[in-house]
Amino acid sequence: MAPARLDGRTLITAHWVVGHADGRHRLLERGEVVVEGDRVVFVGHGFQGEVARRLDMGEAIVSPGFVDLDALSDLDTTILGFDNQPAWRKGRVWPHTYMEAGPYEMYSPDELVFQKRHAFAGLIRNGITTALPIASLFYREWGETTAEFAGAAQAAEDLGLRAYLGPAYRAGNQFVAPDGTIQPFFDEARGLANLEEAIAFCRRFENTAGGLVRTMLAPDRIETCTPELLRRTAAARDELGVPVRLHCCQSKIEYDLVLALRGMSPPEWLESLGFFGRRTLLPHGTWVSGAPGIDRPGRDLEIIRDNGATIVHCPLVSSRHGNVIRSFARYRDMGLNIGLGTDTSPPDMILNMQMGLILCRVADATTTTCRSEDLFDAATLGGAKALERPDLGRLEPGAKADLIVIDLDRPHTGQVIDPIQTLMLTGHGRDVRTVMVDGRFSMIDRIIPGVDEAADNRRAQAQFERLMALYPQRTWQHPPAEEIFSSAYPVTRRPA
């Protein structure tokens, strides 16, 4: 059951409030936010109405909650490939022997539900109030299941997280052939059956949990899709009125494979299928025509912009893999809508904003093209625009009461002149103290009711270690685990 709302009006104040008026965020020194039910009813100074309680958050920012369009909902496997490369030799692409033996689920149903709940708590701790979950299919039998997402819906309701949910599906994957080449494999019938399951999930769960749970369609990655799967996805999106998210232009392997299979770039292919439409979200947008390594001329970004899709920028995970969009400022100035996603551990939106700002300045070789507020807008307003939710990502009368409190008096914070610039310099997700979603406190003073953080961390570690032990089965030539996973330095184990 979701946390309970407080009776009557609640007035929240702090040294800084990020309000919203006339289409943009505004900073209110010693500002006030008044919440009643699930809505914001006042933002400003000197509220004259009656209130049931006043909460002074002190040296802090009261901010709209972050909208995470690619929200980590997994036990993140990034660490398994962080220094263990190339990925196809380290279990990140199935070998032909594993395909022939029959892929299987490497987590139990209970473990899949647990990892969603565990990850959702991590999102809340980092100030994410609206999340579109993402998890890896590398260790799955094929796609995600209705059962685990029914559990995810319950977890979102119990914890008080606004979530857009839908099991990921695909019509194919890549595998490592005996000669070490990477080949595509497709089972379209299976993918279409999974799509029907996803459609049924949307019909069952849309706008449940008092509106906290919404739904989406989540074809996994463009290179794992067939034309028919994408056409039917687009038709279902239009019929159901839900967002669709498709990972696209995120690697050179993907870009080259789509070119080889379809004779077009990923955006060109999507446009030819009539895939684009309202609420189309495309992580990650790093490999496009004109980018280094893509010699083929084209209009990839213009196609995405002209069709009204959103680029979901995930700067932390992209930079970990040596990728960067070139650049955030150029995409913005072209008129592309840009939202942010975490997509990796830690699910720290503040860190992602910082990385996005740094990477833009590095890519542009100047500090003048991108400012702190540009990334803050992407983490709030950009995500809300992508979902067509003008009631999210801002604090103004009539908006949903989704807000967070970010401390500004921690030892690492330093001196505060401008709170948003300070956040970009020294802040991190652990500075989020309190979270309200839909007028309910999901976290107070860093405590999430009903969550035993230490016990959950122990369970997650044990579950992850079992997954690592299975990696030789799904790695080309089946090397032992110690050859798949390197160590930064030689390890001496304690004698038994």
Protein backbone atom coordinates (compact mmCIF):
# COMPACT_ATOMS: atom_id res chain seq x y z
CA MET A 1 0.00 0.00 0.00
CA ALA A 2 1.30 3.43 -0.92
CA PRO A 3 2.34 5.82 1.86
CA ALA A 4 -0.62 7.81 3.19
CA ARG A 5 -1.21 11.46 2.33
CA LEU A 6 -1.33 13.98 5.12
CA ASP A 7 -4.66 15.57 5.93
CA GLY A 8 -5.07 19.24 5.08
CA ARG A 9 -2.55 21.59 3.57
CA THR A 10 1.18 21.23 4.13
CA LEU A 11 3.46 24.25 3.74
CA ILE A 12 7.07 23.38 2.95
CA THR A 13 9.81 25.97 2.99
CA ALA A 14 13.60 25.98 2.60
CA HIS A 15 16.43 28.36 1.84
CA TRP A 16 15.78 27.74 -1.86
CA VAL A 17 12.71 26.61 -3.76
CA VAL A 18 12.78 25.80 -7.49
CA GLY A 19 9.40 27.14 -8.56
CA HIS A 20 7.99 27.38 -12.06
CA ALA A 21 6.22 30.24 -13.81
CA ASP A 22 5.80 31.52 -17.36
CA GLY A 23 7.30 28.38 -18.85
CA ARG A 24 10.57 28.19 -16.92
CA HIS A 25 12.03 27.34 -13.54
CA ARG A 26 12.66 30.18 -11.09
CA LEU A 27 14.62 30.30 -7.84
CA LEU A 28 12.75 31.54 -4.79
CA GLU A 29 14.90 32.48 -1.82
CA ARG A 30 13.09 31.44 1.38
CA GLY A 31 10.26 30.27 -0.86
CA GLU A 32 7.18 28.30 0.11
CA VAL A 33 5.41 25.34 -1.50
CA VAL A 34 1.93 24.42 -0.34
CA VAL A 35 0.62 20.92 -1.06
CA GLU A 36 -2.94 19.71 -0.69
CA GLY A 37 -3.87 16.16 -1.62
CA ASP A 38 -1.87 15.14 -4.69
CA ARG A 39 -1.38 18.70 -5.99
CA VAL A 40 0.70 21.80 -5.51
CA VAL A 41 -1.64 24.70 -4.69
CA PHE A 42 0.85 27.52 -4.09
CA VAL A 43 4.48 28.39 -4.83
CA GLY A 44 5.88 31.74 -3.76
CA HIS A 45 6.17 33.88 -0.65
CA GLY A 46 3.79 34.71 2.16
CA PHE A 47 0.98 32.18 1.72
CA GLN A 48 -2.09 33.63 3.41
CA GLY A 49 -4.32 30.55 3.64
CA GLU A 50 -4.72 28.13 6.51
CA VAL A 51 -2.34 25.17 6.72
CA ALA A 52 -2.37 22.03 8.84
CA ARG A 53 1.40 22.01 9.27
CA ARG A 54 4.58 23.89 8.35
CA LEU A 55 7.77 22.00 7.50
CA ASP A 56 10.99 24.03 7.37
CA MET A 57 13.67 22.10 5.49
CA GLY A 58 16.41 24.59 6.39
CA GLU A 59 19.56 24.85 4.28
CA ALA A 60 18.23 22.89 1.37
CA ILE A 61 16.67 23.04 -2.09
CA VAL A 62 13.02 22.09 -2.51
CA SER A 63 12.96 20.94 -6.11
CA PRO A 64 10.64 19.15 -8.49
CA GLY A 65 11.40 15.43 -8.52
CA PHE A 66 13.51 14.07 -11.34
CA VAL A 67 11.98 12.28 -14.34
CA ASP A 68 14.13 9.27 -15.28
CA LEU A 69 13.28 8.03 -18.78
CA ASP A 70 15.70 5.08 -18.63
CA ALA A 71 15.67 4.21 -14.95
CA LEU A 72 17.86 1.42 -13.61
CA SER A 73 15.56 -1.37 -12.36
CA ASP A 74 18.12 -4.14 -12.22
CA LEU A 75 21.12 -5.44 -10.35
CA ASP A 76 23.36 -3.48 -12.66
CA THR A 77 25.68 -5.66 -14.74
CA THR A 78 27.80 -2.75 -15.98
CA ILE A 79 30.60 -3.70 -13.59
CA LEU A 80 30.91 -7.09 -15.30
CA GLY A 81 31.96 -5.38 -18.53
CA PHE A 82 33.55 -2.25 -17.10
CA ASP A 83 37.18 -3.41 -17.44
CA ASN A 84 36.41 -6.80 -19.01
CA GLN A 85 36.56 -6.31 -22.76
CA PRO A 86 35.81 -6.99 -25.54
CA ALA A 87 32.24 -7.49 -24.40
CA TRP A 88 31.48 -10.31 -26.85
CA ARG A 89 34.28 -12.43 -25.34
CA LYS A 90 33.13 -11.72 -21.79
CA GLY A 91 29.60 -13.06 -21.79
CA ARG A 92 27.81 -9.93 -23.01
CA VAL A 93 26.82 -11.65 -26.26
CA TRP A 94 25.47 -15.21 -26.20
CA PRO A 95 27.70 -17.86 -27.83
CA HIS A 96 26.17 -20.25 -30.37
CA THR A 97 26.52 -23.13 -27.89
CA TYR A 98 24.34 -21.36 -25.35
CA MET A 99 21.78 -20.59 -28.07
CA GLU A 100 21.71 -24.24 -29.15
CA ALA A 101 21.35 -25.50 -25.59
CA GLY A 102 18.41 -23.18 -25.06
CA PRO A 103 18.71 -19.89 -23.14
CA TYR A 104 17.13 -19.91 -19.71
CA GLU A 105 16.24 -17.52 -16.92
CA MET A 106 19.23 -16.98 -14.66
CA TYR A 107 17.11 -15.45 -11.92
CA SER A 108 14.09 -17.00 -10.24
CA PRO A 109 10.69 -15.25 -10.41
CA ASP A 110 11.10 -14.11 -6.80
CA GLU A 111 14.56 -12.73 -7.53
CA LEU A 112 13.24 -10.77 -10.52
CA VAL A 113 10.56 -9.15 -8.38
CA PHE A 114 13.06 -8.44 -5.60
CA GLN A 115 15.50 -6.67 -7.92
CA LYS A 116 12.74 -4.33 -9.14
CA ARG A 117 11.77 -3.42 -5.58
CA HIS A 118 15.41 -3.03 -4.56
CA ALA A 119 16.13 -0.81 -7.56
CA PHE A 120 12.97 1.28 -7.06
CA ALA A 121 14.12 2.09 -3.53
CA GLY A 122 17.44 3.23 -5.01
CA LEU A 123 15.65 5.52 -7.44
CA ILE A 124 13.68 7.14 -4.63
CA ARG A 125 16.86 7.64 -2.59
CA ASN A 126 18.28 9.61 -5.51
CA GLY A 127 15.30 11.93 -5.89
CA ILE A 128 13.70 10.20 -8.88
CA THR A 129 9.95 10.52 -8.58
CA THR A 130 8.93 9.35 -12.08
CA ALA A 131 10.69 6.33 -13.57
CA LEU A 132 10.57 4.29 -16.78
CA PRO A 133 12.44 1.14 -15.74
CA ILE A 134 15.17 -0.52 -17.81
CA ALA A 135 16.88 -3.86 -17.16
CA SER A 136 19.30 -6.05 -19.09
CA LEU A 137 18.06 -8.95 -21.20
CA PHE A 138 21.53 -10.52 -21.36
CA TYR A 139 20.70 -13.01 -18.60
CA ARG A 140 17.09 -13.58 -19.56
CA GLU A 141 15.56 -16.47 -21.46
CA TRP A 142 14.15 -13.98 -23.97
CA GLY A 143 11.99 -11.05 -22.84
CA GLU A 144 10.58 -9.80 -19.56
CA THR A 145 7.43 -11.31 -18.12
CA THR A 146 4.00 -10.14 -17.03
CA ALA A 147 4.52 -11.73 -13.61
CA GLU A 148 7.64 -9.76 -12.77
CA PHE A 149 6.03 -6.51 -13.91
CA ALA A 150 2.93 -7.21 -11.87
CA GLY A 151 5.39 -7.42 -8.98
CA ALA A 152 7.00 -4.18 -10.15
CA ALA A 153 3.60 -2.47 -10.14
CA GLN A 154 3.05 -3.61 -6.57
CA ALA A 155 6.51 -2.42 -5.57
CA ALA A 156 5.91 1.01 -7.11
CA GLU A 157 2.64 1.32 -5.21
CA ASP A 158 4.11 0.08 -1.91
CA LEU A 159 7.15 2.36 -2.07
CA GLY A 160 5.38 5.38 -3.53
CA LEU A 161 7.16 5.71 -6.88
CA ARG A 162 5.48 7.06 -10.01
CA ALA A 163 6.35 4.45 -12.64
CA TYR A 164 5.64 3.76 -16.31
CA LEU A 165 5.86 -0.02 -16.62
CA GLY A 166 5.89 -2.54 -19.44
CA PRO A 167 7.79 -5.80 -20.02
CA ALA A 168 10.56 -5.50 -22.61
CA TYR A 169 10.22 -7.69 -25.69
CA ARG A 170 12.28 -8.49 -28.77
CA ALA A 171 12.17 -10.53 -31.96
CA GLY A 172 15.86 -11.37 -32.08
CA ASN A 173 19.30 -11.09 -30.61
CA GLN A 174 22.95 -11.41 -31.58
CA PHE A 175 25.18 -14.39 -30.94
CA VAL A 176 28.85 -15.29 -31.33
CA ALA A 177 29.32 -17.85 -34.10
CA PRO A 178 31.97 -20.63 -33.84
CA ASP A 179 34.41 -18.51 -35.85
CA GLY A 180 34.08 -15.58 -33.43
CA THR A 181 31.92 -13.41 -35.67
CA ILE A 182 28.75 -11.80 -34.32
CA GLN A 183 25.62 -12.88 -36.18
CA PRO A 184 21.95 -11.88 -35.92
CA PHE A 185 19.20 -14.33 -34.97
CA PHE A 186 15.46 -13.68 -35.25
CA ASP A 187 12.38 -15.45 -33.94
CA GLU A 188 9.65 -13.06 -35.01
CA ALA A 189 6.77 -15.24 -33.88
CA ARG A 190 8.11 -15.22 -30.34
CA GLY A 191 8.59 -11.47 -30.42
CA LEU A 192 5.04 -10.85 -31.67
CA ALA A 193 3.64 -13.11 -28.95
CA ASN A 194 5.61 -11.12 -26.35
CA LEU A 195 4.22 -7.89 -27.81
CA GLU A 196 0.69 -9.19 -27.30
CA GLU A 197 1.57 -9.93 -23.67
CA ALA A 198 2.90 -6.38 -23.30
CA ILE A 199 -0.31 -4.96 -24.80
CA ALA A 200 -2.38 -7.03 -22.37
CA PHE A 201 -0.22 -5.73 -19.51
CA CYS A 202 -0.90 -2.14 -20.57
CA ARG A 203 -4.63 -2.72 -20.66
CA ARG A 204 -4.60 -4.32 -17.22
CA PHE A 205 -2.31 -1.93 -15.36
CA GLU A 206 -2.70 1.49 -17.00
CA ASN A 207 -3.54 4.17 -14.44
CA THR A 208 -3.67 1.80 -11.48
CA ALA A 209 -2.42 2.31 -7.92
CA GLY A 210 -4.33 5.57 -7.76
CA GLY A 211 -2.54 6.82 -10.88
CA LEU A 212 0.99 6.04 -9.66
CA VAL A 213 1.33 3.19 -12.15
CA ARG A 214 1.12 3.99 -15.84
CA THR A 215 2.29 1.80 -18.70
CA MET A 216 4.56 1.87 -21.73
CA LEU A 217 5.68 -0.33 -24.61
CA ALA A 218 9.34 -1.33 -24.49
CA PRO A 219 10.77 -3.02 -27.59
CA ASP A 220 14.27 -3.76 -26.38
CA ARG A 221 16.77 -2.48 -28.95
CA ILE A 222 16.33 -1.55 -32.57
CA GLU A 223 18.71 -4.25 -33.85
CA THR A 224 16.63 -6.95 -32.08
CA CYS A 225 13.41 -5.89 -33.83
CA THR A 226 11.81 -6.84 -37.15
CA PRO A 227 9.73 -4.53 -39.35
CA GLU A 228 6.48 -6.20 -38.34
CA LEU A 229 7.27 -5.99 -34.64
CA LEU A 230 7.92 -2.25 -34.92
CA ARG A 231 4.84 -1.60 -37.07
CA ARG A 232 2.60 -3.42 -34.60
CA THR A 233 4.27 -1.61 -31.70
CA ALA A 234 3.53 1.75 -33.30
CA ALA A 235 -0.10 0.76 -33.91
CA ALA A 236 -0.48 -0.42 -30.30
CA ARG A 237 1.08 2.81 -29.00
CA ASP A 238 -1.46 4.87 -30.95
CA GLU A 239 -4.38 2.69 -29.84
CA LEU A 240 -3.38 2.59 -26.18
CA GLY A 241 -2.05 6.14 -25.93
CA VAL A 242 1.11 5.05 -24.07
CA PRO A 243 4.78 5.97 -24.51
CA VAL A 244 7.09 3.68 -26.47
CA ARG A 245 10.81 3.48 -25.73
CA LEU A 246 13.30 1.91 -28.12
CA HIS A 247 17.05 1.92 -27.59
CA CYS A 248 18.45 3.36 -30.78
CA CYS A 249 21.76 4.76 -32.10
CA GLN A 250 23.59 3.56 -29.01
CA SER A 251 26.52 1.64 -30.54
CA LYS A 252 28.44 1.34 -33.78
CA ILE A 253 27.68 -2.41 -33.86
CA GLU A 254 23.96 -1.60 -33.79
CA TYR A 255 24.25 1.14 -36.40
CA ASP A 256 26.27 -1.05 -38.80
CA LEU A 257 23.98 -4.05 -38.28
CA VAL A 258 20.84 -2.06 -39.07
CA LEU A 259 22.53 -0.65 -42.17
CA ALA A 260 23.49 -4.16 -43.29
CA LEU A 261 20.06 -5.69 -42.61
CA ARG A 262 17.78 -2.83 -43.67
CA GLY A 263 19.86 -0.71 -46.04
CA MET A 264 19.11 2.39 -43.95
CA SER A 265 20.33 4.06 -40.79
CA PRO A 266 18.29 3.35 -37.65
CA PRO A 267 16.33 6.67 -37.80
CA GLU A 268 15.78 6.29 -41.55
CA TRP A 269 14.45 2.78 -41.03
CA LEU A 270 12.10 3.87 -38.24
CA GLU A 271 10.75 6.67 -40.39
CA SER A 272 10.18 4.31 -43.34
CA LEU A 273 8.11 2.04 -41.06
CA GLY A 274 5.96 4.88 -39.76
CA PHE A 275 7.26 4.09 -36.28
CA PHE A 276 7.57 7.63 -35.03
CA GLY A 277 4.70 9.23 -33.17
CA ARG A 278 3.76 10.94 -29.96
CA ARG A 279 5.71 9.93 -26.88
CA THR A 280 8.49 8.11 -28.74
CA LEU A 281 11.61 7.87 -26.58
CA LEU A 282 15.00 6.94 -28.03
CA PRO A 283 17.96 6.20 -25.74
CA HIS A 284 20.85 7.01 -26.43
CA GLY A 285 21.38 8.91 -29.68
CA THR A 286 25.18 8.83 -29.56
CA TRP A 287 25.89 7.11 -32.92
CA VAL A 288 24.27 9.17 -35.67
CA SER A 289 25.20 10.46 -39.12
CA GLY A 290 28.01 12.96 -38.83
CA ALA A 291 29.37 11.53 -35.56
CA PRO A 292 32.99 10.30 -35.49
CA GLY A 293 33.04 6.72 -36.72
CA ILE A 294 29.88 7.10 -38.84
CA ASP A 295 31.11 7.94 -42.32
CA ARG A 296 27.74 7.65 -44.01
CA PRO A 297 26.10 11.04 -44.64
CA GLY A 298 22.52 11.49 -43.53
CA ARG A 299 19.92 13.40 -41.54
CA ASP A 300 19.54 11.14 -38.51
CA LEU A 301 19.08 13.88 -35.92
CA GLU A 302 16.83 15.92 -38.19
CA ILE A 303 14.62 12.86 -38.71
CA ILE A 304 14.29 12.35 -34.96
CA ARG A 305 13.56 16.05 -34.41
CA ASP A 306 11.10 16.44 -37.28
CA ASN A 307 9.15 13.39 -36.08
CA GLY A 308 8.83 14.77 -32.55
CA ALA A 309 10.75 12.02 -30.76
CA THR A 310 12.79 12.53 -27.59
CA ILE A 311 16.48 11.69 -27.18
CA VAL A 312 17.04 10.07 -23.79
CA HIS A 313 20.55 11.13 -22.82
CA CYS A 314 22.31 8.81 -20.35
CA PRO A 315 25.69 10.53 -19.94
CA LEU A 316 27.13 8.36 -17.18
CA VAL A 317 26.66 4.96 -18.81
CA SER A 318 27.59 6.33 -22.25
CA SER A 319 30.85 7.81 -20.99
CA ARG A 320 31.71 4.56 -19.20
CA HIS A 321 31.65 2.90 -22.61
CA GLY A 322 33.66 5.69 -24.27
CA ASN A 323 30.66 7.31 -25.96
CA VAL A 324 29.34 10.86 -25.90
CA ILE A 325 26.73 12.81 -27.82
CA ARG A 326 28.30 15.63 -29.86
CA SER A 327 26.90 17.57 -28.29
CA PHE A 328 24.08 18.23 -25.82
CA ALA A 329 24.15 21.90 -26.81
CA ARG A 330 24.02 21.09 -30.54
CA TYR A 331 21.08 18.71 -30.04
CA ARG A 332 19.30 21.36 -27.94
CA ASP A 333 19.95 24.13 -30.46
CA MET A 334 18.59 21.92 -33.25
CA GLY A 335 15.28 21.82 -31.42
CA LEU A 336 15.49 18.22 -30.21
CA ASN A 337 13.73 17.44 -26.95
CA ILE A 338 16.25 15.89 -24.55
CA GLY A 339 15.35 13.98 -21.41
CA LEU A 340 17.74 12.19 -19.05
CA GLY A 341 18.09 8.59 -17.91
CA THR A 342 20.31 6.86 -15.36
CA ASP A 343 20.54 3.36 -16.94
CA THR A 344 23.35 2.28 -14.60
CA SER A 345 24.45 2.18 -11.01
CA PRO A 346 24.36 4.43 -9.12
CA PRO A 347 20.97 5.70 -10.33
CA ASP A 348 22.15 9.19 -9.43
CA MET A 349 20.45 11.84 -11.56
CA ILE A 350 22.58 14.59 -10.05
CA LEU A 351 25.74 12.76 -11.16
CA ASN A 352 24.22 12.29 -14.62
CA MET A 353 23.50 16.01 -14.86
CA GLN A 354 27.08 16.77 -13.87
CA MET A 355 28.47 14.30 -16.40
CA GLY A 356 26.19 15.66 -19.10
CA LEU A 357 27.43 19.17 -18.48
CA ILE A 358 31.09 18.13 -18.41
CA LEU A 359 30.83 15.98 -21.53
CA CYS A 360 29.11 18.76 -23.45
CA ARG A 361 31.85 21.21 -22.56
CA VAL A 362 34.54 18.71 -23.51
CA ALA A 363 32.83 17.89 -26.81
CA ASP A 364 32.40 21.57 -27.66
CA ALA A 365 35.82 22.55 -26.23
CA THR A 366 34.22 25.53 -24.49
CA THR A 367 32.34 26.38 -21.31
CA THR A 368 29.91 28.74 -23.02
CA THR A 369 27.52 26.44 -24.90
CA CYS A 370 25.96 24.66 -21.94
CA ARG A 371 25.02 25.80 -18.45
CA SER A 372 23.84 24.13 -15.27
CA GLU A 373 20.18 24.92 -15.85
CA ASP A 374 20.23 23.20 -19.26
CA LEU A 375 20.83 19.80 -17.66
CA PHE A 376 18.46 20.52 -14.77
CA ASP A 377 15.76 21.32 -17.32
CA ALA A 378 16.43 18.01 -19.11
CA ALA A 379 16.10 16.06 -15.85
CA THR A 380 12.74 17.67 -15.09
CA LEU A 381 11.00 19.48 -17.95
CA GLY A 382 12.52 17.39 -20.76
CA GLY A 383 11.23 14.17 -19.26
CA ALA A 384 7.81 15.65 -18.57
CA LYS A 385 7.54 16.88 -22.16
CA ALA A 386 8.50 13.45 -23.50
CA LEU A 387 5.63 11.89 -21.52
CA GLU A 388 3.24 14.73 -22.38
CA ARG A 389 2.82 15.39 -18.65
CA PRO A 390 2.77 19.14 -18.02
CA ASP A 391 1.84 18.29 -14.42
CA LEU A 392 5.29 16.75 -13.78
CA GLY A 393 8.82 18.13 -13.54
CA ARG A 394 7.81 21.50 -12.10
CA LEU A 395 6.45 23.12 -8.96
CA GLU A 396 3.54 25.38 -9.81
CA PRO A 397 -0.14 25.45 -8.84
CA GLY A 398 -1.95 22.49 -10.35
CA ALA A 399 1.16 20.34 -10.82
CA LYS A 400 1.47 16.96 -9.16
CA ALA A 401 2.97 17.14 -5.68
CA ASP A 402 6.21 15.40 -6.67
CA LEU A 403 9.06 17.15 -4.88
CA ILE A 404 12.40 16.44 -3.31
CA VAL A 405 14.53 18.07 -0.64
CA ILE A 406 18.26 18.28 -1.37
CA ASP A 407 20.59 19.23 1.48
CA LEU A 408 22.97 22.14 0.98
CA ASP A 409 24.70 21.95 4.36
CA ARG A 410 26.69 18.72 4.01
CA PRO A 411 30.48 18.95 4.63
CA HIS A 412 31.27 18.38 0.94
CA THR A 413 28.86 21.01 -0.37
CA GLY A 414 31.13 23.99 0.02
CA GLN A 415 29.91 27.54 -0.27
CA VAL A 416 26.58 28.22 -1.92
CA ILE A 417 26.04 31.18 -4.21
CA ASP A 418 23.67 29.73 -6.78
CA PRO A 419 22.05 26.47 -5.58
CA ILE A 420 21.72 24.84 -9.02
CA GLN A 421 25.32 25.61 -9.94
CA THR A 422 26.39 24.29 -6.53
CA LEU A 423 24.44 21.10 -7.22
CA MET A 424 26.37 20.68 -10.47
CA LEU A 425 29.70 21.22 -8.74
CA THR A 426 29.51 19.29 -5.47
CA GLY A 427 26.12 17.58 -5.17
CA HIS A 428 25.26 13.92 -5.46
CA GLY A 429 22.22 11.72 -5.04
CA ARG A 430 23.02 11.00 -1.41
CA ASP A 431 22.21 14.65 -0.66
CA VAL A 432 18.51 13.93 -1.29
CA ARG A 433 16.97 13.91 2.17
CA THR A 434 13.21 13.71 1.64
CA VAL A 435 11.01 12.68 -1.29
CA MET A 436 7.31 13.33 -1.88
CA VAL A 437 5.42 11.63 -4.73
CA ASP A 438 1.79 12.36 -5.47
CA GLY A 439 1.46 14.21 -2.17
CA ARG A 440 2.84 11.31 -0.10
CA PHE A 441 6.22 11.14 1.61
CA SER A 442 8.04 8.17 0.06
CA MET A 443 11.23 8.97 1.99
CA ILE A 444 11.74 11.10 5.10
CA ASP A 445 15.22 11.92 6.37
CA ARG A 446 16.65 9.22 4.07
CA ILE A 447 14.40 6.49 5.52
CA ILE A 448 12.05 4.61 3.18
CA PRO A 449 9.30 2.97 5.27
CA GLY A 450 9.35 -0.82 5.07
CA VAL A 451 12.78 -1.05 3.45
CA ASP A 452 15.67 -2.77 5.27
CA GLU A 453 18.56 -1.35 3.27
CA ALA A 454 21.26 -3.54 4.82
CA ALA A 455 19.30 -6.78 4.38
CA ASP A 456 18.41 -5.90 0.81
CA ASN A 457 22.05 -5.13 -0.02
CA ARG A 458 23.13 -8.54 1.34
CA ARG A 459 20.45 -10.30 -0.71
CA ALA A 460 21.40 -8.38 -3.84
CA GLN A 461 25.09 -9.28 -3.43
CA ALA A 462 24.33 -12.99 -3.01
CA GLN A 463 22.00 -12.95 -6.01
CA PHE A 464 24.62 -11.18 -8.13
CA GLU A 465 27.37 -13.63 -7.20
CA ARG A 466 25.18 -16.55 -8.31
CA LEU A 467 24.71 -14.79 -11.66
CA MET A 468 28.49 -14.37 -12.06
CA ALA A 469 29.00 -18.08 -11.38
CA LEU A 470 26.76 -18.88 -14.37
CA TYR A 471 28.64 -16.65 -16.80
CA PRO A 472 30.92 -19.36 -18.24
CA GLN A 473 27.83 -21.09 -19.68
CA ARG A 474 26.94 -18.01 -21.71
CA THR A 475 30.44 -16.92 -22.72
CA TRP A 476 32.15 -17.83 -26.01
CA GLN A 477 34.42 -20.90 -25.58
CA HIS A 478 33.25 -21.15 -21.94
CA PRO A 479 36.34 -19.91 -20.07
CA PRO A 480 36.34 -20.14 -16.26
CA ALA A 481 34.86 -17.22 -14.37
CA GLU A 482 38.26 -15.95 -13.25
CA GLU A 483 39.23 -15.46 -16.91
CA ILE A 484 36.01 -13.60 -17.68
CA PHE A 485 36.21 -11.21 -14.74
CA SER A 486 39.54 -9.53 -14.18
CA SER A 487 40.75 -7.93 -10.97
CA ALA A 488 42.28 -4.50 -10.70
CA TYR A 489 45.20 -6.01 -8.73
CA PRO A 490 46.27 -9.55 -7.79
CA VAL A 491 44.05 -11.00 -5.07
CA THR A 492 45.25 -13.06 -2.13
CA ARG A 493 42.41 -14.98 -0.51
CA ARG A 494 42.22 -15.67 3.21
CA PRO A 495 43.04 -19.36 3.87
CA ALA A 496 40.01 -21.50 4.70
